[in-house]
């Protein structure tokens, strides 16, 4: 199975840039959650977050491939790998955001 190929050809730099971007998303989500008054009582369960990641992650990569941003290997295996990866990462990122910006009302 081939890894996704990024147009810049600098895989390490691209991966680090994406990780920094996702850290920004986590911090933004944490502050947005606190600003909107979302508490643990109305938050999604880990199962729902995993499902969201398992569906949304591969769809985002497919959209990126359609736009010419990356080239995915043919077949369902890369999409299944992405589904498992994002399905496990999204609940972890949300958990991290809840630890970084604790709910002051609780």
Foldseek 3Di string as FASTA:
>chain_A
DDDKQFPVNPVVVVVVVVVVVLLVVLQVVLVVCQVVVPDPVPDDDLQVQLQCQLPVQLVVVVVCVVVVGIDDDDDCVVSNVSSNVRSVVRSVSNVVSCVVRPHPVD
